[in-house]
Every structure is written in C-alpha cells, then in structure tokens.
Amino acid sequence: MKKLSLIGFLGLSLFAFSQNIKPTEERKNDEKALLVKTDHSELDAKKKAAEEKAKLPKPYDPKADAEKDIQNLIAKAKKEKKNIMIQAGGNWCIWCLRFNQFVQITPELKSIVDKNYEYYHLNYSPDNKNEKVFAAYGNPGEKFGYPVFIILDKNGKMIHVQQSDVLEEGKGYSLEKVKEFFNKWIPNKS
C-alpha cells in the first residue's frame, strides 16, 4: 500500500509540475513581449513630451546674472510701481515652459502681468543653479518643485511664494486659478 501511495503521489506531482512549466524559449518570448509593450508606451510618452518641449519658447538664460537682473528689476519696479514676479525653473522643465507659453498666448493674463509686474525667469539648471539667489528666498524649489513663483514688492521684499501645482488643470493650467493668483498680488498703486 505504501508503494502504491508513493507512486500515486509522484505521478500527481509530476503531472502538476508539468502543467506549470513552459519551454524556456516560450518563457523568454513572453517576458520580451511584456517588456516591449511597457517600453513602447513609455517611449511614446517621452517622445511626445520632447516634441512639445522642442516647440515651446525657452525663456530661461543659464548665463544670466540673476542677482544683477533682479536688482535692475527692483529699480524699474519702484519707478513703475509694480511688483516683481519671479518664475523659477528651467528650460528642462516642461511645466515651466507650459506656464510661460500659457501666459504669453492668453491675452487676459498677459495684460494683467504687463500692467502690474516686472517678470523674470530665474534659471535653475545644472549649468547655473543660482544658489545664492535661491538661498536669499529660502530655496522654494527644494520645497515645492518647479516652476515656483516668488513675488517681490517694488522694494524687492519677498511677499509671497507660490507653488504651481495648485494652478494646474489637466496637462496645462487653469485660466481662472492663474488669473486669481496674478490678481491677488497686484501692487497697491497708492
């Protein structure tokens, strides 16, 4: 009886084991097919983002002297009684480029900005991290990511830091949220 039970157990085990085994070549093909599908969709997404990025204007200048530029904007803002809007980020950042483009092609937003702000694109990239300038404003990019907005009054005093994700809508920005943000920090002209 023990021999019969052992033979039965071995027979069932062999049968069960054979059901889960695929030939090595078939397993490799299944693994490759799965990898190709995953890589293909990721590559498509990266390709679309790269194409979009290539078409958008590049407002950040890694060679700019940000300290000097901001001091010049402060002098200009005092004369014109405007605040200063610093959009910190880089040409590598698709959301930074999208925001810049959104403001430039939306007449309502461009009008608010042109009337009330001196606007500056503060570069953060491997070429120039502008560490001294960012440190003066508490390194908001480290906390919020990019783009991040630093609003200065006409005297150069920081009055607000705004993260950008709250202004987003889908793959872009919300007109109402951005308009509300810009209008909230309009300088008091009195």
Protein backbone atom coordinates (compact mmCIF):
# COMPACT_ATOMS: atom_id res chain seq x y z
CA MET A 1 0.00 0.00 0.00
CA LYS A 2 2.89 2.39 0.78
CA LYS A 3 4.40 1.76 -2.69
CA LEU A 4 1.09 2.47 -4.37
CA SER A 5 0.60 5.70 -2.39
CA LEU A 6 4.16 6.83 -3.19
CA ILE A 7 3.76 6.09 -6.91
CA GLY A 8 0.42 7.92 -6.93
CA PHE A 9 1.90 10.94 -5.16
CA LEU A 10 4.87 11.05 -7.55
CA GLY A 11 2.59 10.68 -10.55
CA LEU A 12 0.31 13.51 -9.43
CA SER A 13 3.31 15.70 -8.57
CA LEU A 14 4.88 15.10 -11.98
CA PHE A 15 1.58 15.89 -13.69
CA ALA A 16 1.06 19.07 -11.66
CA PHE A 17 4.65 20.18 -12.19
CA SER A 18 4.47 19.61 -15.94
CA GLN A 19 1.38 21.83 -16.19
CA ASN A 20 3.23 24.92 -14.89
CA ILE A 21 6.37 24.59 -16.95
CA LYS A 22 6.69 26.36 -20.28
CA PRO A 23 9.59 25.68 -22.56
CA THR A 24 12.45 28.11 -21.91
CA GLU A 25 12.12 29.76 -25.31
CA GLU A 26 8.39 30.39 -24.81
CA ARG A 27 9.00 31.97 -21.37
CA LYS A 28 11.67 34.27 -22.84
CA ASN A 29 9.32 35.39 -25.61
CA ASP A 30 6.55 36.15 -23.10
CA GLU A 31 8.95 38.23 -20.99
CA LYS A 32 10.22 40.13 -24.03
CA ALA A 33 6.71 40.85 -25.26
CA LEU A 34 5.77 42.32 -21.90
CA LEU A 35 8.91 44.46 -21.78
CA VAL A 36 8.45 45.75 -25.32
CA LYS A 37 4.86 46.83 -24.62
CA THR A 38 5.88 48.68 -21.45
CA ASP A 39 8.92 50.32 -23.06
CA HIS A 40 6.91 51.28 -26.13
CA SER A 41 4.28 53.24 -24.17
CA GLU A 42 6.95 54.93 -22.05
CA LEU A 43 8.92 55.83 -25.16
CA ASP A 44 5.80 57.28 -26.80
CA ALA A 45 5.09 59.45 -23.75
CA LYS A 46 8.71 60.64 -23.59
CA LYS A 47 8.72 61.33 -27.32
CA LYS A 48 5.51 63.41 -27.10
CA ALA A 49 6.90 65.41 -24.17
CA ALA A 50 10.17 66.02 -26.03
CA GLU A 51 8.28 67.17 -29.12
CA GLU A 52 6.15 69.55 -27.05
CA LYS A 53 9.21 70.86 -25.21
CA ALA A 54 11.06 71.47 -28.50
CA LYS A 55 8.22 73.66 -29.80
CA LEU A 56 7.91 75.88 -26.71
CA PRO A 57 9.96 79.08 -26.21
CA LYS A 58 12.94 78.77 -23.83
CA PRO A 59 12.76 81.83 -21.53
CA TYR A 60 15.46 80.79 -19.03
CA ASP A 61 19.03 82.00 -19.56
CA PRO A 62 21.61 79.94 -17.63
CA LYS A 63 24.25 82.60 -18.44
CA ALA A 64 22.27 85.49 -16.96
CA ASP A 65 23.50 87.29 -13.86
CA ALA A 66 20.32 86.80 -11.85
CA GLU A 67 21.42 88.97 -8.91
CA LYS A 68 22.14 91.91 -11.18
CA ASP A 69 18.99 91.35 -13.26
CA ILE A 70 16.76 91.29 -10.18
CA GLN A 71 18.38 94.45 -8.77
CA ASN A 72 17.67 96.18 -12.10
CA LEU A 73 14.06 94.97 -11.96
CA ILE A 74 13.69 96.35 -8.43
CA ALA A 75 14.81 99.79 -9.62
CA LYS A 76 12.39 99.59 -12.55
CA ALA A 77 9.54 98.30 -10.34
CA LYS A 78 10.00 101.25 -7.95
CA LYS A 79 9.65 103.74 -10.80
CA GLU A 80 6.65 101.98 -12.34
CA LYS A 81 5.02 101.00 -9.01
CA LYS A 82 4.90 97.33 -9.96
CA ASN A 83 5.63 94.11 -8.12
CA ILE A 84 8.14 91.58 -9.37
CA MET A 85 7.06 88.11 -10.42
CA ILE A 86 9.93 85.63 -10.47
CA GLN A 87 9.15 82.38 -12.22
CA ALA A 88 11.86 79.99 -11.06
CA GLY A 89 12.62 76.90 -13.12
CA GLY A 90 14.49 75.97 -16.25
CA ASN A 91 14.24 75.15 -19.93
CA TRP A 92 14.43 71.46 -18.94
CA CYS A 93 11.08 71.73 -17.10
CA ILE A 94 8.02 71.09 -19.29
CA TRP A 95 5.65 72.65 -16.71
CA CYS A 96 7.82 75.80 -16.59
CA LEU A 97 7.68 76.12 -20.36
CA ARG A 98 3.93 75.41 -20.42
CA PHE A 99 3.26 78.15 -17.87
CA ASN A 100 5.35 80.69 -19.75
CA GLN A 101 3.57 79.85 -23.01
CA PHE A 102 0.14 79.94 -21.34
CA VAL A 103 0.73 83.45 -20.02
CA GLN A 104 2.20 84.68 -23.31
CA ILE A 105 -0.65 83.43 -25.53
CA THR A 106 -3.54 84.28 -23.18
CA PRO A 107 -4.29 87.99 -23.70
CA GLU A 108 -6.16 88.34 -20.41
CA LEU A 109 -3.18 87.01 -18.39
CA LYS A 110 -0.55 88.83 -20.42
CA SER A 111 -2.40 92.10 -19.83
CA ILE A 112 -2.50 91.57 -16.03
CA VAL A 113 1.22 90.73 -15.98
CA ASP A 114 2.29 93.59 -18.25
CA LYS A 115 0.34 96.20 -16.25
CA ASN A 116 1.32 95.03 -12.77
CA TYR A 117 4.57 93.09 -12.76
CA GLU A 118 8.15 93.08 -13.80
CA TYR A 119 8.50 89.43 -14.81
CA TYR A 120 11.70 87.41 -14.51
CA HIS A 121 12.60 83.80 -15.33
CA LEU A 122 15.11 82.70 -12.68
CA ASN A 123 17.15 79.81 -14.03
CA TYR A 124 17.75 76.63 -12.09
CA SER A 125 19.72 74.05 -14.07
CA PRO A 126 22.97 72.08 -13.91
CA ASP A 127 24.58 74.94 -15.88
CA ASN A 128 23.60 77.53 -13.27
CA LYS A 129 21.74 76.74 -10.08
CA ASN A 130 21.77 80.37 -8.90
CA GLU A 131 22.32 79.04 -5.39
CA LYS A 132 22.94 82.44 -3.79
CA VAL A 133 19.75 83.94 -5.25
CA PHE A 134 17.62 80.91 -4.35
CA ALA A 135 19.06 80.89 -0.82
CA ALA A 136 18.00 84.52 -0.37
CA TYR A 137 14.40 83.42 -0.99
CA GLY A 138 14.53 80.29 1.18
CA ASN A 139 15.16 77.77 -1.63
CA PRO A 140 11.48 77.36 -2.55
CA GLY A 141 12.24 74.99 -5.43
CA GLU A 142 13.51 72.40 -2.96
CA LYS A 143 10.17 72.54 -1.14
CA PHE A 144 7.70 72.95 -4.00
CA GLY A 145 9.47 71.82 -7.18
CA TYR A 146 9.38 73.82 -10.41
CA PRO A 147 8.09 76.12 -11.54
CA VAL A 148 7.75 78.06 -8.33
CA PHE A 149 6.80 81.72 -8.16
CA ILE A 150 8.46 84.28 -5.91
CA ILE A 151 6.66 87.60 -5.63
CA LEU A 152 8.58 90.67 -4.53
CA ASP A 153 7.17 94.08 -3.80
CA LYS A 154 8.55 97.15 -5.59
CA ASN A 155 11.33 97.39 -2.98
CA GLY A 156 12.49 93.83 -3.53
CA LYS A 157 10.95 92.43 -0.35
CA MET A 158 9.61 88.90 -0.77
CA ILE A 159 5.86 88.96 -0.11
CA HIS A 160 4.76 85.51 -1.31
CA VAL A 161 5.95 82.17 -2.67
CA GLN A 162 3.51 80.17 -4.77
CA GLN A 163 3.79 76.55 -5.79
CA SER A 164 2.49 75.88 -9.28
CA ASP A 165 0.67 72.56 -8.93
CA VAL A 166 -2.37 74.28 -7.42
CA LEU A 167 -2.69 76.28 -10.65
CA GLU A 168 -2.68 73.22 -12.90
CA GLU A 169 -5.61 71.76 -14.76
CA GLY A 170 -5.13 68.58 -16.80
CA LYS A 171 -1.94 68.87 -18.86
CA GLY A 172 -1.90 72.64 -18.51
CA TYR A 173 -3.02 75.48 -16.29
CA SER A 174 -6.41 76.82 -15.23
CA LEU A 175 -7.19 80.29 -16.57
CA GLU A 176 -9.32 81.13 -13.54
CA LYS A 177 -6.75 79.94 -10.97
CA VAL A 178 -3.83 81.72 -12.67
CA LYS A 179 -5.86 84.91 -13.09
CA GLU A 180 -6.84 84.80 -9.41
CA PHE A 181 -3.19 84.24 -8.42
CA PHE A 182 -1.94 87.18 -10.51
CA ASN A 183 -4.73 89.48 -9.32
CA LYS A 184 -4.12 88.61 -5.68
CA TRP A 185 -0.57 90.03 -5.78
CA ILE A 186 -1.19 93.17 -7.82
CA PRO A 187 0.64 96.05 -6.14
CA ASN A 188 -1.21 98.72 -4.26
CA LYS A 189 -0.69 101.72 -6.58
CA SER A 190 -1.45 104.36 -3.96
